């Protein structure tokens, strides 16, 4: 029964499309409502575009800005699929994959 009160720290790092970012952000808020700590990771521009966190969840959800590496053919300030035409998405994927390092 003691495990029932154990709190988790969960990292959430969704793909750079708001069709992924927003649902994962909503999931992060639901998990935080249960008292768990969330590190929500995305690029600076995407973090700034998120809806405001409710005050009661702010201590539990840390928004972490991870700058996207420069990739040739990816326009500057392109940090999500909504920032670019579809044929540029492979370059966004390459930049996203480069975050692994």
PDB file of N, CA and C in Angstrom:
ATOM      1  N   UNK A   1       0.811  -1.209   0.000  1.00  0.00           N
ATOM      2  CA  UNK A   1       0.000   0.000   0.000  1.00  0.00           C
ATOM      3  C   UNK A   1       0.851   1.269   0.000  1.00  0.00           C
ATOM      4  N   UNK A   2       2.091   1.200   0.473  1.00  0.00           N
ATOM      5  CA  UNK A   2       2.959   2.378   0.524  1.00  0.00           C
ATOM      6  C   UNK A   2       3.273   2.876  -0.887  1.00  0.00           C
ATOM      7  N   UNK A   3       3.355   1.972  -1.871  1.00  0.00           N
ATOM      8  CA  UNK A   3       3.645   2.361  -3.252  1.00  0.00           C
ATOM      9  C   UNK A   3       2.549   3.254  -3.831  1.00  0.00           C
ATOM     10  N   UNK A   4       1.366   3.178  -3.250  1.00  0.00           N
ATOM     11  CA  UNK A   4       0.235   3.959  -3.720  1.00  0.00           C
ATOM     12  C   UNK A   4       0.534   5.458  -3.613  1.00  0.00           C
ATOM     13  N   UNK A   5       1.367   5.866  -2.652  1.00  0.00           N
ATOM     14  CA  UNK A   5       1.652   7.278  -2.423  1.00  0.00           C
ATOM     15  C   UNK A   5       2.970   7.716  -3.057  1.00  0.00           C
ATOM     16  N   UNK A   6       3.641   6.823  -3.753  1.00  0.00           N
ATOM     17  CA  UNK A   6       4.920   7.153  -4.376  1.00  0.00           C
ATOM     18  C   UNK A   6       4.692   8.106  -5.546  1.00  0.00           C
ATOM     19  N   UNK A   7       5.446   9.201  -5.567  1.00  0.00           N
ATOM     20  CA  UNK A   7       5.294  10.198  -6.627  1.00  0.00           C
ATOM     21  C   UNK A   7       6.333   9.956  -7.721  1.00  0.00           C
ATOM     22  N   UNK A   8       5.924  10.181  -8.942  1.00  0.00           N
ATOM     23  CA  UNK A   8       6.787   9.971 -10.100  1.00  0.00           C
ATOM     24  C   UNK A   8       7.288  11.306 -10.637  1.00  0.00           C
ATOM     25  N   UNK A   9       8.386  11.254 -11.373  1.00  0.00           N
ATOM     26  CA  UNK A   9       8.857  12.393 -12.159  1.00  0.00           C
ATOM     27  C   UNK A   9       8.896  11.907 -13.601  1.00  0.00           C
ATOM     28  N   UNK A  10       8.059  12.497 -14.438  1.00  0.00           N
ATOM     29  CA  UNK A  10       7.859  12.034 -15.800  1.00  0.00           C
ATOM     30  C   UNK A  10       8.326  13.105 -16.787  1.00  0.00           C
ATOM     31  N   UNK A  11       9.132  12.702 -17.750  1.00  0.00           N
ATOM     32  CA  UNK A  11       9.553  13.601 -18.828  1.00  0.00           C
ATOM     33  C   UNK A  11       8.638  13.373 -20.028  1.00  0.00           C
ATOM     34  N   UNK A  12       8.126  14.452 -20.575  1.00  0.00           N
ATOM     35  CA  UNK A  12       7.256  14.406 -21.754  1.00  0.00           C
ATOM     36  C   UNK A  12       7.945  15.200 -22.857  1.00  0.00           C
ATOM     37  N   UNK A  13       8.180  14.549 -23.998  1.00  0.00           N
ATOM     38  CA  UNK A  13       8.931  15.160 -25.094  1.00  0.00           C
ATOM     39  C   UNK A  13       8.245  14.817 -26.411  1.00  0.00           C
ATOM     40  N   UNK A  14       7.139  15.509 -26.724  1.00  0.00           N
ATOM     41  CA  UNK A  14       6.362  15.161 -27.926  1.00  0.00           C
ATOM     42  C   UNK A  14       7.014  15.630 -29.222  1.00  0.00           C
ATOM     43  N   UNK A  15       6.602  14.997 -30.317  1.00  0.00           N
ATOM     44  CA  UNK A  15       7.015  15.405 -31.659  1.00  0.00           C
ATOM     45  C   UNK A  15       6.603  16.866 -31.862  1.00  0.00           C
ATOM     46  N   UNK A  16       7.312  17.575 -32.726  1.00  0.00           N
ATOM     47  CA  UNK A  16       7.154  19.013 -32.928  1.00  0.00           C
ATOM     48  C   UNK A  16       5.981  19.370 -33.844  1.00  0.00           C
ATOM     49  N   UNK A  17       4.821  18.856 -33.503  1.00  0.00           N
ATOM     50  CA  UNK A  17       3.582  19.185 -34.215  1.00  0.00           C
ATOM     51  C   UNK A  17       2.527  19.444 -33.145  1.00  0.00           C
ATOM     52  N   UNK A  18       1.758  20.501 -33.303  1.00  0.00           N
ATOM     53  CA  UNK A  18       0.799  20.839 -32.254  1.00  0.00           C
ATOM     54  C   UNK A  18      -0.311  19.805 -32.113  1.00  0.00           C
ATOM     55  N   UNK A  19      -0.499  18.970 -33.124  1.00  0.00           N
ATOM     56  CA  UNK A  19      -1.404  17.830 -32.997  1.00  0.00           C
ATOM     57  C   UNK A  19      -0.872  16.788 -32.020  1.00  0.00           C
ATOM     58  N   UNK A  20       0.399  16.867 -31.689  1.00  0.00           N
ATOM     59  CA  UNK A  20       1.032  16.006 -30.679  1.00  0.00           C
ATOM     60  C   UNK A  20       1.277  16.802 -29.399  1.00  0.00           C
ATOM     61  N   UNK A  21       1.787  18.026 -29.550  1.00  0.00           N
ATOM     62  CA  UNK A  21       2.171  18.834 -28.387  1.00  0.00           C
ATOM     63  C   UNK A  21       0.986  19.093 -27.468  1.00  0.00           C
ATOM     64  N   UNK A  22      -0.128  19.547 -28.007  1.00  0.00           N
ATOM     65  CA  UNK A  22      -1.283  19.901 -27.158  1.00  0.00           C
ATOM     66  C   UNK A  22      -1.868  18.679 -26.447  1.00  0.00           C
ATOM     67  N   UNK A  23      -2.114  17.553 -27.127  1.00  0.00           N
ATOM     68  CA  UNK A  23      -2.619  16.389 -26.381  1.00  0.00           C
ATOM     69  C   UNK A  23      -1.647  15.910 -25.286  1.00  0.00           C
ATOM     70  N   UNK A  24      -0.337  15.931 -25.568  1.00  0.00           N
ATOM     71  CA  UNK A  24       0.623  15.529 -24.549  1.00  0.00           C
ATOM     72  C   UNK A  24       0.671  16.542 -23.403  1.00  0.00           C
ATOM     73  N   UNK A  25       0.468  17.818 -23.704  1.00  0.00           N
ATOM     74  CA  UNK A  25       0.411  18.847 -22.663  1.00  0.00           C
ATOM     75  C   UNK A  25      -0.808  18.607 -21.770  1.00  0.00           C
ATOM     76  N   UNK A  26      -1.938  18.276 -22.379  1.00  0.00           N
ATOM     77  CA  UNK A  26      -3.155  17.974 -21.601  1.00  0.00           C
ATOM     78  C   UNK A  26      -2.942  16.732 -20.733  1.00  0.00           C
ATOM     79  N   UNK A  27      -2.292  15.710 -21.285  1.00  0.00           N
ATOM     80  CA  UNK A  27      -1.976  14.508 -20.513  1.00  0.00           C
ATOM     81  C   UNK A  27      -1.047  14.851 -19.347  1.00  0.00           C
ATOM     82  N   UNK A  28      -0.054  15.685 -19.612  1.00  0.00           N
ATOM     83  CA  UNK A  28       0.877  16.105 -18.555  1.00  0.00           C
ATOM     84  C   UNK A  28       0.123  16.794 -17.421  1.00  0.00           C
ATOM     85  N   UNK A  29      -0.831  17.635 -17.760  1.00  0.00           N
ATOM     86  CA  UNK A  29      -1.621  18.333 -16.723  1.00  0.00           C
ATOM     87  C   UNK A  29      -2.452  17.339 -15.911  1.00  0.00           C
ATOM     88  N   UNK A  30      -3.032  16.353 -16.586  1.00  0.00           N
ATOM     89  CA  UNK A  30      -3.819  15.337 -15.860  1.00  0.00           C
ATOM     90  C   UNK A  30      -2.945  14.543 -14.894  1.00  0.00           C
ATOM     91  N   UNK A  31      -1.739  14.194 -15.345  1.00  0.00           N
ATOM     92  CA  UNK A  31      -0.814  13.451 -14.484  1.00  0.00           C
ATOM     93  C   UNK A  31      -0.377  14.325 -13.305  1.00  0.00           C
ATOM     94  N   UNK A  32      -0.116  15.598 -13.572  1.00  0.00           N
ATOM     95  CA  UNK A  32       0.286  16.525 -12.502  1.00  0.00           C
ATOM     96  C   UNK A  32      -0.833  16.688 -11.471  1.00  0.00           C
ATOM     97  N   UNK A  33      -2.075  16.637 -11.911  1.00  0.00           N
ATOM     98  CA  UNK A  33      -3.208  16.749 -10.972  1.00  0.00           C
ATOM     99  C   UNK A  33      -3.205  15.608  -9.960  1.00  0.00           C
ATOM    100  N   UNK A  34      -2.551  14.510 -10.313  1.00  0.00           N
ATOM    101  CA  UNK A  34      -2.433  13.367  -9.396  1.00  0.00           C
ATOM    102  C   UNK A  34      -1.243  13.542  -8.442  1.00  0.00           C
ATOM    103  N   UNK A  35      -0.527  14.674  -8.579  1.00  0.00           N
ATOM    104  CA  UNK A  35       0.571  14.972  -7.677  1.00  0.00           C
ATOM    105  C   UNK A  35       1.948  14.593  -8.186  1.00  0.00           C
ATOM    106  N   UNK A  36       2.037  14.149  -9.438  1.00  0.00           N
ATOM    107  CA  UNK A  36       3.327  13.761 -10.004  1.00  0.00           C
ATOM    108  C   UNK A  36       4.013  14.963 -10.654  1.00  0.00           C
ATOM    109  N   UNK A  37       5.335  14.950 -10.646  1.00  0.00           N
ATOM    110  CA  UNK A  37       6.152  16.013 -11.250  1.00  0.00           C
ATOM    111  C   UNK A  37       6.309  15.717 -12.745  1.00  0.00           C
ATOM    112  N   UNK A  38       6.152  16.755 -13.571  1.00  0.00           N
ATOM    113  CA  UNK A  38       6.279  16.613 -15.020  1.00  0.00           C
ATOM    114  C   UNK A  38       7.352  17.574 -15.524  1.00  0.00           C
ATOM    115  N   UNK A  39       8.244  17.066 -16.355  1.00  0.00           N
ATOM    116  CA  UNK A  39       9.163  17.911 -17.121  1.00  0.00           C
ATOM    117  C   UNK A  39       8.668  17.855 -18.557  1.00  0.00           C
ATOM    118  N   UNK A  40       8.096  18.957 -19.022  1.00  0.00           N
ATOM    119  CA  UNK A  40       7.552  19.023 -20.380  1.00  0.00           C
ATOM    120  C   UNK A  40       8.597  19.712 -21.244  1.00  0.00           C
ATOM    121  N   UNK A  41       9.127  18.978 -22.225  1.00  0.00           N
ATOM    122  CA  UNK A  41      10.269  19.431 -23.014  1.00  0.00           C
ATOM    123  C   UNK A  41       9.832  19.729 -24.446  1.00  0.00           C
ATOM    124  N   UNK A  42      10.195  20.902 -24.921  1.00  0.00           N
ATOM    125  CA  UNK A  42       9.994  21.249 -26.326  1.00  0.00           C
ATOM    126  C   UNK A  42      10.925  22.411 -26.662  1.00  0.00           C
ATOM    127  N   UNK A  43      10.794  22.903 -27.866  1.00  0.00           N
ATOM    128  CA  UNK A  43      11.640  24.010 -28.285  1.00  0.00           C
ATOM    129  C   UNK A  43      11.139  25.309 -27.648  1.00  0.00           C
ATOM    130  N   UNK A  44      11.990  26.331 -27.562  1.00  0.00           N
ATOM    131  CA  UNK A  44      11.582  27.584 -26.920  1.00  0.00           C
ATOM    132  C   UNK A  44      10.301  28.192 -27.521  1.00  0.00           C
ATOM    133  N   UNK A  45      10.231  28.228 -28.833  1.00  0.00           N
ATOM    134  CA  UNK A  45       9.057  28.835 -29.479  1.00  0.00           C
ATOM    135  C   UNK A  45       7.780  28.045 -29.181  1.00  0.00           C
ATOM    136  N   UNK A  46       7.878  26.724 -29.168  1.00  0.00           N
ATOM    137  CA  UNK A  46       6.698  25.902 -28.868  1.00  0.00           C
ATOM    138  C   UNK A  46       6.273  26.053 -27.411  1.00  0.00           C
ATOM    139  N   UNK A  47       7.230  26.120 -26.506  1.00  0.00           N
ATOM    140  CA  UNK A  47       6.895  26.320 -25.084  1.00  0.00           C
ATOM    141  C   UNK A  47       6.142  27.642 -24.916  1.00  0.00           C
ATOM    142  N   UNK A  48       6.589  28.679 -25.599  1.00  0.00           N
ATOM    143  CA  UNK A  48       5.932  29.994 -25.489  1.00  0.00           C
ATOM    144  C   UNK A  48       4.514  29.971 -26.064  1.00  0.00           C
ATOM    145  N   UNK A  49       4.232  29.055 -26.975  1.00  0.00           N
ATOM    146  CA  UNK A  49       2.901  28.973 -27.599  1.00  0.00           C
ATOM    147  C   UNK A  49       1.919  28.099 -26.810  1.00  0.00           C
ATOM    148  N   UNK A  50       2.384  27.461 -25.749  1.00  0.00           N
ATOM    149  CA  UNK A  50       1.483  26.617 -24.957  1.00  0.00           C
ATOM    150  C   UNK A  50       0.478  27.467 -24.186  1.00  0.00           C
ATOM    151  N   UNK A  51      -0.702  26.900 -23.920  1.00  0.00           N
ATOM    152  CA  UNK A  51      -1.644  27.610 -23.047  1.00  0.00           C
ATOM    153  C   UNK A  51      -1.037  27.779 -21.655  1.00  0.00           C
ATOM    154  N   UNK A  52      -1.483  28.770 -20.949  1.00  0.00           N
ATOM    155  CA  UNK A  52      -0.998  29.050 -19.589  1.00  0.00           C
ATOM    156  C   UNK A  52      -1.399  27.898 -18.666  1.00  0.00           C
ATOM    157  N   UNK A  53      -0.457  27.513 -17.822  1.00  0.00           N
ATOM    158  CA  UNK A  53      -0.752  26.470 -16.832  1.00  0.00           C
ATOM    159  C   UNK A  53      -1.601  27.047 -15.711  1.00  0.00           C
ATOM    160  N   UNK A  54      -2.569  26.283 -15.197  1.00  0.00           N
ATOM    161  CA  UNK A  54      -3.309  26.742 -14.022  1.00  0.00           C
ATOM    162  C   UNK A  54      -2.340  26.914 -12.849  1.00  0.00           C
ATOM    163  N   UNK A  55      -2.548  27.914 -12.001  1.00  0.00           N
ATOM    164  CA  UNK A  55      -1.632  28.181 -10.880  1.00  0.00           C
ATOM    165  C   UNK A  55      -1.365  26.962  -9.991  1.00  0.00           C
ATOM    166  N   UNK A  56      -2.367  26.125  -9.781  1.00  0.00           N
ATOM    167  CA  UNK A  56      -2.178  24.958  -8.896  1.00  0.00           C
ATOM    168  C   UNK A  56      -1.241  23.911  -9.496  1.00  0.00           C
ATOM    169  N   UNK A  57      -1.051  23.921 -10.827  1.00  0.00           N
ATOM    170  CA  UNK A  57      -0.175  22.935 -11.474  1.00  0.00           C
ATOM    171  C   UNK A  57       1.227  23.483 -11.743  1.00  0.00           C
ATOM    172  N   UNK A  58       1.409  24.797 -11.644  1.00  0.00           N
ATOM    173  CA  UNK A  58       2.706  25.398 -11.952  1.00  0.00           C
ATOM    174  C   UNK A  58       3.861  24.805 -11.138  1.00  0.00           C
ATOM    175  N   UNK A  59       3.674  24.474  -9.850  1.00  0.00           N
ATOM    176  CA  UNK A  59       4.798  23.874  -9.112  1.00  0.00           C
ATOM    177  C   UNK A  59       5.135  22.450  -9.577  1.00  0.00           C
ATOM    178  N   UNK A  60       4.209  21.786 -10.261  1.00  0.00           N
ATOM    179  CA  UNK A  60       4.406  20.388 -10.648  1.00  0.00           C
ATOM    180  C   UNK A  60       4.824  20.201 -12.101  1.00  0.00           C
ATOM    181  N   UNK A  61       4.618  21.214 -12.935  1.00  0.00           N
ATOM    182  CA  UNK A  61       4.944  21.096 -14.351  1.00  0.00           C
ATOM    183  C   UNK A  61       6.061  22.079 -14.689  1.00  0.00           C
ATOM    184  N   UNK A  62       7.220  21.535 -14.987  1.00  0.00           N
ATOM    185  CA  UNK A  62       8.352  22.367 -15.389  1.00  0.00           C
ATOM    186  C   UNK A  62       8.418  22.366 -16.912  1.00  0.00           C
ATOM    187  N   UNK A  63       8.403  23.556 -17.499  1.00  0.00           N
ATOM    188  CA  UNK A  63       8.494  23.700 -18.947  1.00  0.00           C
ATOM    189  C   UNK A  63       9.960  23.899 -19.298  1.00  0.00           C
ATOM    190  N   UNK A  64      10.515  22.962 -20.047  1.00  0.00           N
ATOM    191  CA  UNK A  64      11.935  22.975 -20.374  1.00  0.00           C
ATOM    192  C   UNK A  64      12.107  23.284 -21.853  1.00  0.00           C
ATOM    193  N   UNK A  65      12.846  24.367 -22.121  1.00  0.00           N
ATOM    194  CA  UNK A  65      13.115  24.788 -23.495  1.00  0.00           C
ATOM    195  C   UNK A  65      14.415  24.156 -23.973  1.00  0.00           C
ATOM    196  N   UNK A  66      14.329  23.410 -25.041  1.00  0.00           N
ATOM    197  CA  UNK A  66      15.491  22.761 -25.629  1.00  0.00           C
ATOM    198  C   UNK A  66      15.658  23.318 -27.048  1.00  0.00           C
ATOM    199  N   UNK A  67      16.688  24.150 -27.265  1.00  0.00           N
ATOM    200  CA  UNK A  67      16.859  24.754 -28.586  1.00  0.00           C
ATOM    201  C   UNK A  67      17.079  23.701 -29.673  1.00  0.00           C
ATOM    202  N   UNK A  68      16.429  23.913 -30.789  1.00  0.00           N
ATOM    203  CA  UNK A  68      16.534  23.010 -31.933  1.00  0.00           C
ATOM    204  C   UNK A  68      17.846  23.282 -32.659  1.00  0.00           C
ATOM    205  N   UNK A  69      18.635  22.253 -32.944  1.00  0.00           N
ATOM    206  CA  UNK A  69      19.888  22.472 -33.686  1.00  0.00           C
ATOM    207  C   UNK A  69      19.606  22.984 -35.100  1.00  0.00           C
ATOM    208  N   UNK A  70      20.544  23.760 -35.617  1.00  0.00           N
ATOM    209  CA  UNK A  70      20.393  24.253 -36.994  1.00  0.00           C
ATOM    210  C   UNK A  70      20.581  23.092 -37.970  1.00  0.00           C
ATOM    211  N   UNK A  71      19.689  23.015 -38.925  1.00  0.00           N
ATOM    212  CA  UNK A  71      19.772  22.016 -39.993  1.00  0.00           C
ATOM    213  C   UNK A  71      19.612  22.767 -41.304  1.00  0.00           C
ATOM    214  N   UNK A  72      20.497  22.479 -42.242  1.00  0.00           N
ATOM    215  CA  UNK A  72      20.415  23.122 -43.553  1.00  0.00           C
ATOM    216  C   UNK A  72      19.051  22.857 -44.173  1.00  0.00           C
ATOM    217  N   UNK A  73      18.487  23.862 -44.815  1.00  0.00           N
ATOM    218  CA  UNK A  73      17.184  23.830 -45.491  1.00  0.00           C
ATOM    219  C   UNK A  73      15.993  23.961 -44.540  1.00  0.00           C
ATOM    220  N   UNK A  74      16.256  24.056 -43.235  1.00  0.00           N
ATOM    221  CA  UNK A  74      15.164  24.302 -42.283  1.00  0.00           C
ATOM    222  C   UNK A  74      15.164  25.798 -41.973  1.00  0.00           C
ATOM    223  N   UNK A  75      14.074  26.494 -42.283  1.00  0.00           N
ATOM    224  CA  UNK A  75      14.046  27.939 -42.044  1.00  0.00           C
ATOM    225  C   UNK A  75      14.277  28.283 -40.568  1.00  0.00           C
ATOM    226  N   UNK A  76      14.913  29.433 -40.365  1.00  0.00           N
ATOM    227  CA  UNK A  76      15.124  29.913 -38.995  1.00  0.00           C
ATOM    228  C   UNK A  76      13.757  30.121 -38.340  1.00  0.00           C
ATOM    229  N   UNK A  77      13.654  29.839 -37.062  1.00  0.00           N
ATOM    230  CA  UNK A  77      12.416  29.945 -36.274  1.00  0.00           C
ATOM    231  C   UNK A  77      11.390  28.872 -36.619  1.00  0.00           C
ATOM    232  N   UNK A  78      11.733  27.888 -37.433  1.00  0.00           N
ATOM    233  CA  UNK A  78      10.829  26.774 -37.706  1.00  0.00           C
ATOM    234  C   UNK A  78      11.020  25.758 -36.588  1.00  0.00           C
ATOM    235  N   UNK A  79      10.029  25.664 -35.718  1.00  0.00           N
ATOM    236  CA  UNK A  79      10.141  24.762 -34.574  1.00  0.00           C
ATOM    237  C   UNK A  79       8.969  23.802 -34.460  1.00  0.00           C
ATOM    238  N   UNK A  80       8.040  23.894 -35.393  1.00  0.00           N
ATOM    239  CA  UNK A  80       6.938  22.925 -35.417  1.00  0.00           C
ATOM    240  C   UNK A  80       6.456  22.777 -36.857  1.00  0.00           C
ATOM    241  N   UNK A  81       5.652  21.761 -37.078  1.00  0.00           N
ATOM    242  CA  UNK A  81       5.160  21.510 -38.432  1.00  0.00           C
ATOM    243  C   UNK A  81       4.276  22.660 -38.928  1.00  0.00           C
ATOM    244  N   UNK A  82       3.675  23.424 -38.024  1.00  0.00           N
ATOM    245  CA  UNK A  82       2.824  24.533 -38.463  1.00  0.00           C
ATOM    246  C   UNK A  82       3.636  25.714 -38.995  1.00  0.00           C
ATOM    247  N   UNK A  83       4.953  25.695 -38.767  1.00  0.00           N
ATOM    248  CA  UNK A  83       5.819  26.781 -39.223  1.00  0.00           C
ATOM    249  C   UNK A  83       6.346  26.576 -40.636  1.00  0.00           C
ATOM    250  N   UNK A  84       6.118  25.404 -41.215  1.00  0.00           N
ATOM    251  CA  UNK A  84       6.762  25.066 -42.491  1.00  0.00           C
ATOM    252  C   UNK A  84       5.798  24.333 -43.421  1.00  0.00           C
ATOM    253  N   UNK A  85       6.078  24.402 -44.740  1.00  0.00           N
ATOM    254  CA  UNK A  85       5.290  23.570 -45.667  1.00  0.00           C
ATOM    255  C   UNK A  85       5.661  22.095 -45.502  1.00  0.00           C
ATOM    256  N   UNK A  86       4.786  21.242 -45.940  1.00  0.00           N
ATOM    257  CA  UNK A  86       4.950  19.799 -45.721  1.00  0.00           C
ATOM    258  C   UNK A  86       6.265  19.243 -46.277  1.00  0.00           C
ATOM    259  N   UNK A  87       6.735  19.749 -47.407  1.00  0.00           N
ATOM    260  CA  UNK A  87       7.953  19.191 -48.009  1.00  0.00           C
ATOM    261  C   UNK A  87       9.218  19.513 -47.191  1.00  0.00           C
ATOM    262  N   UNK A  88       9.107  20.402 -46.211  1.00  0.00           N
ATOM    263  CA  UNK A  88      10.245  20.760 -45.347  1.00  0.00           C
ATOM    264  C   UNK A  88      10.278  19.891 -44.076  1.00  0.00           C
ATOM    265  N   UNK A  89       9.213  19.169 -43.800  1.00  0.00           N
ATOM    266  CA  UNK A  89       9.117  18.369 -42.572  1.00  0.00           C
ATOM    267  C   UNK A  89      10.298  17.408 -42.381  1.00  0.00           C
ATOM    268  N   UNK A  90      10.840  16.769 -43.427  1.00  0.00           N
ATOM    269  CA  UNK A  90      12.004  15.900 -43.199  1.00  0.00           C
ATOM    270  C   UNK A  90      13.185  16.630 -42.530  1.00  0.00           C
ATOM    271  N   UNK A  91      13.349  17.928 -42.821  1.00  0.00           N
ATOM    272  CA  UNK A  91      14.434  18.688 -42.191  1.00  0.00           C
ATOM    273  C   UNK A  91      14.128  18.951 -40.714  1.00  0.00           C
ATOM    274  N   UNK A  92      12.846  19.154 -40.403  1.00  0.00           N
ATOM    275  CA  UNK A  92      12.442  19.318 -39.007  1.00  0.00           C
ATOM    276  C   UNK A  92      12.693  18.009 -38.251  1.00  0.00           C
ATOM    277  N   UNK A  93      12.392  16.886 -38.887  1.00  0.00           N
ATOM    278  CA  UNK A  93      12.639  15.583 -38.265  1.00  0.00           C
ATOM    279  C   UNK A  93      14.132  15.382 -38.015  1.00  0.00           C
ATOM    280  N   UNK A  94      14.952  15.792 -38.982  1.00  0.00           N
ATOM    281  CA  UNK A  94      16.401  15.665 -38.823  1.00  0.00           C
ATOM    282  C   UNK A  94      16.883  16.509 -37.629  1.00  0.00           C
ATOM    283  N   UNK A  95      16.373  17.726 -37.500  1.00  0.00           N
ATOM    284  CA  UNK A  95      16.742  18.584 -36.368  1.00  0.00           C
ATOM    285  C   UNK A  95      16.271  17.968 -35.052  1.00  0.00           C
ATOM    286  N   UNK A  96      15.045  17.452 -35.036  1.00  0.00           N
ATOM    287  CA  UNK A  96      14.481  16.809 -33.841  1.00  0.00           C
ATOM    288  C   UNK A  96      15.341  15.604 -33.443  1.00  0.00           C
ATOM    289  N   UNK A  97      15.716  14.791 -34.420  1.00  0.00           N
ATOM    290  CA  UNK A  97      16.552  13.618 -34.139  1.00  0.00           C
ATOM    291  C   UNK A  97      17.933  14.034 -33.633  1.00  0.00           C
ATOM    292  N   UNK A  98      18.413  15.194 -34.044  1.00  0.00           N
ATOM    293  CA  UNK A  98      19.718  15.687 -33.596  1.00  0.00           C
ATOM    294  C   UNK A  98      19.706  16.069 -32.119  1.00  0.00           C
ATOM    295  N   UNK A  99      18.530  16.273 -31.552  1.00  0.00           N
ATOM    296  CA  UNK A  99      18.431  16.596 -30.122  1.00  0.00           C
ATOM    297  C   UNK A  99      18.891  15.430 -29.248  1.00  0.00           C
ATOM    298  N   UNK A 100      18.934  14.237 -29.809  1.00  0.00           N
ATOM    299  CA  UNK A 100      19.354  13.040 -29.061  1.00  0.00           C
ATOM    300  C   UNK A 100      20.750  13.239 -28.475  1.00  0.00           C
ATOM    301  N   UNK A 101      21.626  13.883 -29.230  1.00  0.00           N
ATOM    302  CA  UNK A 101      22.996  14.106 -28.768  1.00  0.00           C
ATOM    303  C   UNK A 101      23.003  15.029 -27.577  1.00  0.00           C
TER     304      UNK A 101
END
